[in-house]
Amino acid sequence: MSNETLNVPVENRYFEDYLAGSVYELGAIAVEQEEIISFARRFDPQVFHTDPESAKETIYGGLIASGWHTAGLMMRLFSEHFLSKVASLGSPGVDELRWLKPVRPGDELSARVTVLETKRSRSKPDRGIVHSFIEVMNQNLEVVMSMKAVNFFYCRNADPEAS
């Protein structure tokens, strides 16, 4: 499998444009200390996420982003660069979400999506299901988070025989 870019812009992408076996790189996003602290104070108020000084005394040796914050940063990349702006129908959920390495202030995260499988819906032939594996890497290309996602998309061609 080689790294690719989707041939069709996100503004005009449909189910048929997601090809099983393809691997896509999705930009980069900076991790900012203020955002780590703000997110954690609201949603995950553990000391290693909220207090840079106290975090030095934890097993992490410093401030780290909440895994949920990391997932949110991934979602920003996924939404901007992978999910169709015209055909995305949401997701029933994710599987096997793993936080593999701490994410720290100043890190630059990128994402890689491997399309595992695509299936046209039998009961609703105007849409399809895309199963993918998402890896989030830091600037050293270390995988810091991974998960499997399921997404629904409208088909460009409502007639399954036409595609």
N, C-alpha and C. Protein backbone atom coordinates (compact mmCIF):
# COMPACT_ATOMS: atom_id res chain seq x y z
N MET A 1 0.83 -1.18 0.00
CA MET A 1 0.00 0.00 0.00
C MET A 1 0.88 1.24 0.00
N SER A 2 0.52 2.18 -0.81
CA SER A 2 1.29 3.42 -0.84
C SER A 2 0.44 4.56 -0.30
N ASN A 3 1.13 5.60 0.14
CA ASN A 3 0.41 6.79 0.59
C ASN A 3 -0.17 7.48 -0.63
N GLU A 4 -1.38 7.95 -0.49
CA GLU A 4 -2.07 8.57 -1.61
C GLU A 4 -2.82 9.79 -1.10
N THR A 5 -3.32 10.53 -2.04
CA THR A 5 -4.29 11.55 -1.70
C THR A 5 -5.57 11.17 -2.41
N LEU A 6 -6.67 11.47 -1.81
CA LEU A 6 -7.94 11.19 -2.47
C LEU A 6 -8.03 12.05 -3.72
N ASN A 7 -8.38 11.43 -4.84
CA ASN A 7 -8.42 12.13 -6.11
C ASN A 7 -9.51 13.18 -6.17
N VAL A 8 -10.55 12.98 -5.39
CA VAL A 8 -11.70 13.88 -5.44
C VAL A 8 -11.65 14.79 -4.22
N PRO A 9 -11.82 16.10 -4.42
CA PRO A 9 -11.79 17.02 -3.29
C PRO A 9 -12.87 16.70 -2.26
N VAL A 10 -12.58 17.00 -1.02
CA VAL A 10 -13.48 16.71 0.10
C VAL A 10 -14.86 17.34 -0.12
N GLU A 11 -14.92 18.42 -0.88
CA GLU A 11 -16.20 19.10 -1.15
C GLU A 11 -17.09 18.33 -2.12
N ASN A 12 -16.54 17.30 -2.78
CA ASN A 12 -17.32 16.56 -3.77
C ASN A 12 -17.07 15.06 -3.68
N ARG A 13 -16.75 14.58 -2.51
CA ARG A 13 -16.37 13.18 -2.32
C ARG A 13 -17.58 12.35 -1.90
N TYR A 14 -17.72 11.17 -2.51
CA TYR A 14 -18.80 10.23 -2.21
C TYR A 14 -18.23 8.86 -1.87
N PHE A 15 -19.10 7.98 -1.46
CA PHE A 15 -18.72 6.62 -1.08
C PHE A 15 -17.77 5.98 -2.09
N GLU A 16 -18.06 6.11 -3.37
CA GLU A 16 -17.27 5.46 -4.41
C GLU A 16 -15.82 5.92 -4.44
N ASP A 17 -15.53 7.08 -3.84
CA ASP A 17 -14.18 7.63 -3.86
C ASP A 17 -13.26 7.06 -2.78
N TYR A 18 -13.82 6.33 -1.84
CA TYR A 18 -13.04 5.70 -0.77
C TYR A 18 -12.72 4.28 -1.21
N LEU A 19 -11.45 3.98 -1.42
CA LEU A 19 -11.05 2.71 -1.99
C LEU A 19 -10.34 1.83 -0.95
N ALA A 20 -10.83 0.62 -0.78
CA ALA A 20 -10.23 -0.33 0.16
C ALA A 20 -8.76 -0.53 -0.20
N GLY A 21 -7.92 -0.53 0.84
CA GLY A 21 -6.49 -0.71 0.65
C GLY A 21 -5.71 0.58 0.51
N SER A 22 -6.39 1.68 0.31
CA SER A 22 -5.71 2.96 0.16
C SER A 22 -5.28 3.51 1.51
N VAL A 23 -4.17 4.24 1.50
CA VAL A 23 -3.63 4.86 2.70
C VAL A 23 -3.51 6.36 2.42
N TYR A 24 -4.03 7.16 3.33
CA TYR A 24 -4.05 8.60 3.14
C TYR A 24 -3.41 9.32 4.33
N GLU A 25 -2.63 10.34 4.03
CA GLU A 25 -2.02 11.19 5.06
C GLU A 25 -2.88 12.44 5.21
N LEU A 26 -3.15 12.82 6.45
CA LEU A 26 -4.08 13.92 6.71
C LEU A 26 -3.42 15.08 7.45
N GLY A 27 -2.64 15.87 6.78
CA GLY A 27 -2.16 17.13 7.35
C GLY A 27 -1.51 17.03 8.70
N ALA A 28 -1.46 18.15 9.39
CA ALA A 28 -0.84 18.23 10.71
C ALA A 28 -1.56 19.28 11.54
N ILE A 29 -1.45 19.10 12.87
CA ILE A 29 -2.07 20.05 13.79
C ILE A 29 -1.18 20.18 15.03
N ALA A 30 -1.01 21.41 15.49
CA ALA A 30 -0.15 21.68 16.64
C ALA A 30 -0.89 21.42 17.95
N VAL A 31 -0.15 20.96 18.94
CA VAL A 31 -0.68 20.75 20.29
C VAL A 31 -0.18 21.90 21.16
N GLU A 32 -1.12 22.68 21.68
CA GLU A 32 -0.77 23.88 22.44
C GLU A 32 -1.04 23.68 23.93
N GLN A 33 -0.11 24.13 24.78
CA GLN A 33 -0.24 23.95 26.22
C GLN A 33 -1.53 24.55 26.76
N GLU A 34 -1.87 25.75 26.35
CA GLU A 34 -3.07 26.39 26.87
C GLU A 34 -4.33 25.59 26.53
N GLU A 35 -4.34 25.02 25.34
CA GLU A 35 -5.48 24.22 24.92
C GLU A 35 -5.56 22.91 25.71
N ILE A 36 -4.40 22.29 25.98
CA ILE A 36 -4.37 21.07 26.81
C ILE A 36 -5.01 21.35 28.16
N ILE A 37 -4.57 22.43 28.79
CA ILE A 37 -5.05 22.77 30.14
C ILE A 37 -6.53 23.13 30.10
N SER A 38 -6.93 23.95 29.16
CA SER A 38 -8.33 24.37 29.06
C SER A 38 -9.25 23.17 28.83
N PHE A 39 -8.89 22.31 27.89
CA PHE A 39 -9.70 21.11 27.62
C PHE A 39 -9.79 20.25 28.88
N ALA A 40 -8.67 20.01 29.51
CA ALA A 40 -8.64 19.13 30.68
C ALA A 40 -9.42 19.70 31.86
N ARG A 41 -9.31 20.99 32.08
CA ARG A 41 -10.07 21.60 33.19
C ARG A 41 -11.57 21.37 33.00
N ARG A 42 -12.00 21.40 31.76
CA ARG A 42 -13.43 21.22 31.49
C ARG A 42 -13.85 19.76 31.43
N PHE A 43 -13.01 18.90 30.83
CA PHE A 43 -13.47 17.54 30.52
C PHE A 43 -12.68 16.41 31.17
N ASP A 44 -11.45 16.62 31.60
CA ASP A 44 -10.62 15.53 32.12
C ASP A 44 -9.65 16.09 33.16
N PRO A 45 -10.17 16.58 34.29
CA PRO A 45 -9.37 17.34 35.25
C PRO A 45 -8.44 16.48 36.11
N GLN A 46 -7.48 15.86 35.47
CA GLN A 46 -6.43 15.14 36.19
C GLN A 46 -5.17 15.99 36.18
N VAL A 47 -4.41 15.93 37.24
CA VAL A 47 -3.30 16.85 37.46
C VAL A 47 -2.28 16.83 36.32
N PHE A 48 -2.05 15.68 35.71
CA PHE A 48 -1.06 15.62 34.62
C PHE A 48 -1.57 16.26 33.33
N HIS A 49 -2.86 16.66 33.32
CA HIS A 49 -3.43 17.39 32.20
C HIS A 49 -3.65 18.88 32.52
N THR A 50 -3.72 19.23 33.79
CA THR A 50 -4.15 20.58 34.15
C THR A 50 -3.08 21.46 34.81
N ASP A 51 -2.04 20.88 35.37
CA ASP A 51 -1.07 21.65 36.16
C ASP A 51 0.35 21.30 35.75
N PRO A 52 0.99 22.16 34.95
CA PRO A 52 2.34 21.85 34.46
C PRO A 52 3.35 21.57 35.56
N GLU A 53 3.27 22.28 36.67
CA GLU A 53 4.23 22.07 37.76
C GLU A 53 3.99 20.74 38.48
N SER A 54 2.75 20.50 38.88
CA SER A 54 2.43 19.24 39.55
C SER A 54 2.61 18.05 38.64
N ALA A 55 2.42 18.23 37.34
CA ALA A 55 2.57 17.14 36.37
C ALA A 55 4.00 16.61 36.34
N LYS A 56 4.97 17.47 36.70
CA LYS A 56 6.37 17.03 36.73
C LYS A 56 6.60 15.91 37.73
N GLU A 57 5.75 15.84 38.75
CA GLU A 57 5.89 14.83 39.80
C GLU A 57 5.14 13.53 39.49
N THR A 58 4.48 13.46 38.34
CA THR A 58 3.72 12.26 37.97
C THR A 58 4.59 11.31 37.15
N ILE A 59 4.04 10.16 36.84
CA ILE A 59 4.79 9.18 36.04
C ILE A 59 5.11 9.70 34.65
N TYR A 60 4.43 10.77 34.21
CA TYR A 60 4.68 11.33 32.88
C TYR A 60 5.78 12.37 32.86
N GLY A 61 6.18 12.86 34.03
CA GLY A 61 7.27 13.82 34.12
C GLY A 61 6.97 15.18 33.53
N GLY A 62 5.70 15.45 33.27
CA GLY A 62 5.31 16.73 32.72
C GLY A 62 3.89 16.68 32.19
N LEU A 63 3.44 17.81 31.72
CA LEU A 63 2.08 17.96 31.23
C LEU A 63 1.86 17.10 29.98
N ILE A 64 0.72 16.41 29.93
CA ILE A 64 0.34 15.66 28.74
C ILE A 64 -1.13 15.97 28.41
N ALA A 65 -1.46 15.82 27.14
CA ALA A 65 -2.84 16.04 26.70
C ALA A 65 -3.71 14.87 27.13
N SER A 66 -4.94 15.15 27.45
CA SER A 66 -5.94 14.11 27.66
C SER A 66 -6.05 13.29 26.37
N GLY A 67 -6.26 12.00 26.52
CA GLY A 67 -6.50 11.17 25.34
C GLY A 67 -7.71 11.65 24.56
N TRP A 68 -8.70 12.16 25.28
CA TRP A 68 -9.91 12.67 24.61
C TRP A 68 -9.59 13.93 23.81
N HIS A 69 -8.67 14.73 24.28
CA HIS A 69 -8.22 15.91 23.54
C HIS A 69 -7.49 15.44 22.27
N THR A 70 -6.63 14.44 22.42
CA THR A 70 -5.92 13.88 21.27
C THR A 70 -6.92 13.37 20.24
N ALA A 71 -7.96 12.69 20.71
CA ALA A 71 -9.01 12.20 19.80
C ALA A 71 -9.70 13.38 19.10
N GLY A 72 -9.91 14.46 19.83
CA GLY A 72 -10.52 15.65 19.22
C GLY A 72 -9.64 16.27 18.15
N LEU A 73 -8.33 16.31 18.40
CA LEU A 73 -7.40 16.84 17.40
C LEU A 73 -7.39 15.95 16.16
N MET A 74 -7.42 14.64 16.38
CA MET A 74 -7.51 13.70 15.25
C MET A 74 -8.79 13.96 14.46
N MET A 75 -9.89 14.16 15.18
CA MET A 75 -11.17 14.36 14.52
C MET A 75 -11.15 15.61 13.65
N ARG A 76 -10.44 16.63 14.09
CA ARG A 76 -10.31 17.86 13.29
C ARG A 76 -9.65 17.53 11.94
N LEU A 77 -8.55 16.78 11.98
CA LEU A 77 -7.86 16.38 10.75
C LEU A 77 -8.75 15.48 9.89
N PHE A 78 -9.40 14.52 10.53
CA PHE A 78 -10.26 13.55 9.84
C PHE A 78 -11.42 14.26 9.15
N SER A 79 -12.02 15.19 9.86
CA SER A 79 -13.16 15.94 9.33
C SER A 79 -12.74 16.87 8.19
N GLU A 80 -11.62 17.55 8.35
CA GLU A 80 -11.17 18.50 7.33
C GLU A 80 -10.67 17.83 6.06
N HIS A 81 -9.98 16.70 6.19
CA HIS A 81 -9.26 16.14 5.06
C HIS A 81 -9.77 14.79 4.54
N PHE A 82 -10.63 14.11 5.28
CA PHE A 82 -11.06 12.78 4.88
C PHE A 82 -12.57 12.68 4.67
N LEU A 83 -13.33 13.18 5.62
CA LEU A 83 -14.79 13.05 5.53
C LEU A 83 -15.36 13.98 4.48
N SER A 84 -16.25 13.45 3.69
CA SER A 84 -16.90 14.22 2.64
C SER A 84 -17.71 15.37 3.21
N LYS A 85 -17.65 16.51 2.54
CA LYS A 85 -18.47 17.67 2.93
C LYS A 85 -19.90 17.55 2.41
N VAL A 86 -20.14 16.68 1.40
CA VAL A 86 -21.46 16.56 0.79
C VAL A 86 -22.13 15.21 1.03
N ALA A 87 -21.37 14.20 1.48
CA ALA A 87 -21.95 12.86 1.54
C ALA A 87 -21.76 12.16 2.88
N SER A 88 -21.11 12.79 3.84
CA SER A 88 -20.89 12.15 5.13
C SER A 88 -22.20 12.06 5.91
N LEU A 89 -22.49 10.88 6.41
CA LEU A 89 -23.73 10.64 7.15
C LEU A 89 -23.48 10.27 8.61
N GLY A 90 -22.29 10.54 9.10
CA GLY A 90 -21.99 10.24 10.49
C GLY A 90 -21.40 8.86 10.68
N SER A 91 -21.36 8.45 11.95
CA SER A 91 -20.71 7.21 12.33
C SER A 91 -21.44 6.57 13.50
N PRO A 92 -21.53 5.25 13.50
CA PRO A 92 -22.12 4.57 14.64
C PRO A 92 -21.13 4.37 15.79
N GLY A 93 -19.86 4.72 15.55
CA GLY A 93 -18.88 4.60 16.62
C GLY A 93 -17.52 4.15 16.14
N VAL A 94 -16.64 3.94 17.10
CA VAL A 94 -15.27 3.50 16.82
C VAL A 94 -14.98 2.26 17.66
N ASP A 95 -13.97 1.54 17.25
CA ASP A 95 -13.51 0.36 17.97
C ASP A 95 -12.02 0.46 18.23
N GLU A 96 -11.58 -0.25 19.23
CA GLU A 96 -10.15 -0.42 19.51
C GLU A 96 -9.39 0.90 19.63
N LEU A 97 -9.99 1.89 20.28
CA LEU A 97 -9.32 3.16 20.52
C LEU A 97 -8.20 2.94 21.53
N ARG A 98 -6.99 3.33 21.15
CA ARG A 98 -5.82 3.14 22.01
C ARG A 98 -5.00 4.43 22.06
N TRP A 99 -4.59 4.81 23.28
CA TRP A 99 -3.65 5.90 23.46
C TRP A 99 -2.31 5.26 23.78
N LEU A 100 -1.37 5.35 22.86
CA LEU A 100 -0.15 4.55 22.92
C LEU A 100 1.05 5.29 23.50
N LYS A 101 1.08 6.59 23.35
CA LYS A 101 2.18 7.41 23.89
C LYS A 101 1.61 8.75 24.34
N PRO A 102 2.22 9.35 25.35
CA PRO A 102 1.75 10.67 25.78
C PRO A 102 1.94 11.72 24.68
N VAL A 103 0.99 12.64 24.63
CA VAL A 103 1.06 13.78 23.72
C VAL A 103 1.36 15.00 24.58
N ARG A 104 2.37 15.75 24.17
CA ARG A 104 2.87 16.85 24.99
C ARG A 104 2.72 18.20 24.29
N PRO A 105 2.74 19.28 25.09
CA PRO A 105 2.70 20.61 24.49
C PRO A 105 3.85 20.76 23.49
N GLY A 106 3.55 21.35 22.34
CA GLY A 106 4.56 21.54 21.32
C GLY A 106 4.62 20.42 20.30
N ASP A 107 3.99 19.30 20.59
CA ASP A 107 3.95 18.22 19.59
C ASP A 107 3.17 18.67 18.37
N GLU A 108 3.50 18.08 17.24
CA GLU A 108 2.76 18.31 16.01
C GLU A 108 2.22 16.95 15.58
N LEU A 109 0.90 16.84 15.56
CA LEU A 109 0.27 15.56 15.25
C LEU A 109 -0.17 15.53 13.79
N SER A 110 -0.06 14.35 13.21
CA SER A 110 -0.59 14.10 11.87
C SER A 110 -1.37 12.79 11.94
N ALA A 111 -2.14 12.52 10.92
CA ALA A 111 -2.94 11.30 10.93
C ALA A 111 -2.77 10.55 9.61
N ARG A 112 -2.85 9.24 9.72
CA ARG A 112 -2.81 8.35 8.56
C ARG A 112 -4.04 7.47 8.62
N VAL A 113 -4.78 7.41 7.52
CA VAL A 113 -6.00 6.61 7.45
C VAL A 113 -5.80 5.51 6.41
N THR A 114 -6.03 4.28 6.83
CA THR A 114 -6.02 3.14 5.92
C THR A 114 -7.45 2.67 5.76
N VAL A 115 -7.94 2.67 4.54
CA VAL A 115 -9.30 2.18 4.28
C VAL A 115 -9.24 0.66 4.29
N LEU A 116 -9.90 0.05 5.26
CA LEU A 116 -9.87 -1.40 5.42
C LEU A 116 -10.88 -2.10 4.53
N GLU A 117 -12.08 -1.53 4.45
CA GLU A 117 -13.16 -2.20 3.73
C GLU A 117 -14.22 -1.18 3.38
N THR A 118 -14.85 -1.36 2.23
CA THR A 118 -16.01 -0.55 1.85
C THR A 118 -17.12 -1.50 1.41
N LYS A 119 -18.34 -1.17 1.82
CA LYS A 119 -19.49 -2.00 1.44
C LYS A 119 -20.67 -1.09 1.16
N ARG A 120 -21.32 -1.35 0.07
CA ARG A 120 -22.55 -0.64 -0.22
C ARG A 120 -23.66 -1.26 0.62
N SER A 121 -24.53 -0.45 1.15
CA SER A 121 -25.63 -0.95 1.96
C SER A 121 -26.63 -1.70 1.08
N ARG A 122 -27.04 -2.86 1.53
CA ARG A 122 -28.06 -3.62 0.78
C ARG A 122 -29.45 -3.06 1.06
N SER A 123 -29.68 -2.65 2.30
CA SER A 123 -31.02 -2.16 2.66
C SER A 123 -31.26 -0.72 2.21
N LYS A 124 -30.17 0.06 2.09
CA LYS A 124 -30.28 1.46 1.65
C LYS A 124 -29.22 1.70 0.57
N PRO A 125 -29.52 1.34 -0.67
CA PRO A 125 -28.50 1.38 -1.73
C PRO A 125 -28.00 2.76 -2.12
N ASP A 126 -28.54 3.80 -1.51
CA ASP A 126 -28.04 5.15 -1.80
C ASP A 126 -26.85 5.51 -0.92
N ARG A 127 -26.38 4.55 -0.09
CA ARG A 127 -25.26 4.83 0.82
C ARG A 127 -24.35 3.63 0.98
N GLY A 128 -23.16 3.92 1.51
CA GLY A 128 -22.19 2.86 1.75
C GLY A 128 -21.50 3.05 3.09
N ILE A 129 -20.78 2.01 3.48
CA ILE A 129 -20.09 1.97 4.77
C ILE A 129 -18.60 1.85 4.52
N VAL A 130 -17.83 2.70 5.16
CA VAL A 130 -16.37 2.67 5.04
C VAL A 130 -15.78 2.35 6.41
N HIS A 131 -15.00 1.26 6.47
CA HIS A 131 -14.27 0.88 7.68
C HIS A 131 -12.82 1.32 7.48
N SER A 132 -12.27 2.02 8.46
CA SER A 132 -10.89 2.48 8.32
C SER A 132 -10.13 2.33 9.62
N PHE A 133 -8.82 2.32 9.49
CA PHE A 133 -7.91 2.29 10.63
C PHE A 133 -7.17 3.61 10.63
N ILE A 134 -7.22 4.30 11.76
CA ILE A 134 -6.64 5.64 11.88
C ILE A 134 -5.47 5.58 12.86
N GLU A 135 -4.34 6.12 12.44
CA GLU A 135 -3.19 6.26 13.31
C GLU A 135 -2.84 7.73 13.42
N VAL A 136 -2.59 8.18 14.64
CA VAL A 136 -2.16 9.55 14.90
C VAL A 136 -0.70 9.48 15.30
N MET A 137 0.14 10.25 14.62
CA MET A 137 1.57 10.25 14.89
C MET A 137 2.04 11.61 15.38
N ASN A 138 3.09 11.59 16.18
CA ASN A 138 3.72 12.86 16.57
C ASN A 138 4.78 13.22 15.52
N GLN A 139 5.49 14.31 15.76
CA GLN A 139 6.48 14.81 14.81
C GLN A 139 7.63 13.83 14.60
N ASN A 140 7.81 12.87 15.49
CA ASN A 140 8.85 11.84 15.35
C ASN A 140 8.32 10.59 14.66
N LEU A 141 7.09 10.69 14.15
CA LEU A 141 6.40 9.59 13.48
C LEU A 141 6.12 8.40 14.40
N GLU A 142 6.06 8.68 15.70
CA GLU A 142 5.65 7.67 16.67
C GLU A 142 4.13 7.68 16.74
N VAL A 143 3.52 6.50 16.69
CA VAL A 143 2.06 6.43 16.79
C VAL A 143 1.67 6.69 18.24
N VAL A 144 0.86 7.73 18.44
CA VAL A 144 0.42 8.10 19.78
C VAL A 144 -1.01 7.66 20.06
N MET A 145 -1.78 7.40 19.00
CA MET A 145 -3.17 6.97 19.16
C MET A 145 -3.56 6.19 17.92
N SER A 146 -4.42 5.19 18.11
CA SER A 146 -4.97 4.47 16.96
C SER A 146 -6.40 4.07 17.28
N MET A 147 -7.15 3.83 16.21
CA MET A 147 -8.53 3.38 16.37
C MET A 147 -9.07 2.89 15.03
N LYS A 148 -10.13 2.13 15.10
CA LYS A 148 -10.86 1.73 13.90
C LYS A 148 -12.16 2.52 13.88
N ALA A 149 -12.48 3.04 12.70
CA ALA A 149 -13.68 3.87 12.56
C ALA A 149 -14.61 3.26 11.51
N VAL A 150 -15.88 3.56 11.67
CA VAL A 150 -16.91 3.18 10.70
C VAL A 150 -17.64 4.47 10.34
N ASN A 151 -17.75 4.73 9.03
CA ASN A 151 -18.44 5.93 8.57
C ASN A 151 -19.41 5.58 7.46
N PHE A 152 -20.52 6.32 7.43
CA PHE A 152 -21.52 6.17 6.40
C PHE A 152 -21.41 7.34 5.43
N PHE A 153 -21.57 7.04 4.13
CA PHE A 153 -21.51 8.07 3.10
C PHE A 153 -22.61 7.81 2.06
N TYR A 154 -23.17 8.90 1.53
CA TYR A 154 -24.05 8.76 0.38
C TYR A 154 -23.22 8.32 -0.82
N CYS A 155 -23.86 7.58 -1.69
CA CYS A 155 -23.24 7.18 -2.95
C CYS A 155 -23.48 8.25 -4.00
N ARG A 156 -22.54 8.41 -4.89
CA ARG A 156 -22.72 9.32 -6.01
C ARG A 156 -23.82 8.79 -6.92
N ASN A 157 -23.82 7.48 -7.11
CA ASN A 157 -24.81 6.80 -7.93
C ASN A 157 -25.74 5.99 -7.03
N ALA A 158 -27.00 6.37 -6.96
CA ALA A 158 -27.95 5.65 -6.11
C ALA A 158 -28.20 4.23 -6.60
N ASP A 159 -27.96 3.99 -7.88
CA ASP A 159 -28.16 2.65 -8.45
C ASP A 159 -26.86 1.87 -8.32
N PRO A 160 -26.84 0.78 -7.52
CA PRO A 160 -25.60 0.03 -7.33
C PRO A 160 -25.04 -0.54 -8.62
N GLU A 161 -25.87 -0.74 -9.62
CA GLU A 161 -25.40 -1.28 -10.90
C GLU A 161 -24.64 -0.23 -11.69
N ALA A 162 -24.84 1.05 -11.38
CA ALA A 162 -24.23 2.13 -12.14
C ALA A 162 -22.79 2.41 -11.71
N SER A 163 -22.36 1.89 -10.55
CA SER A 163 -21.00 2.21 -10.10
C SER A 163 -20.00 1.17 -10.47
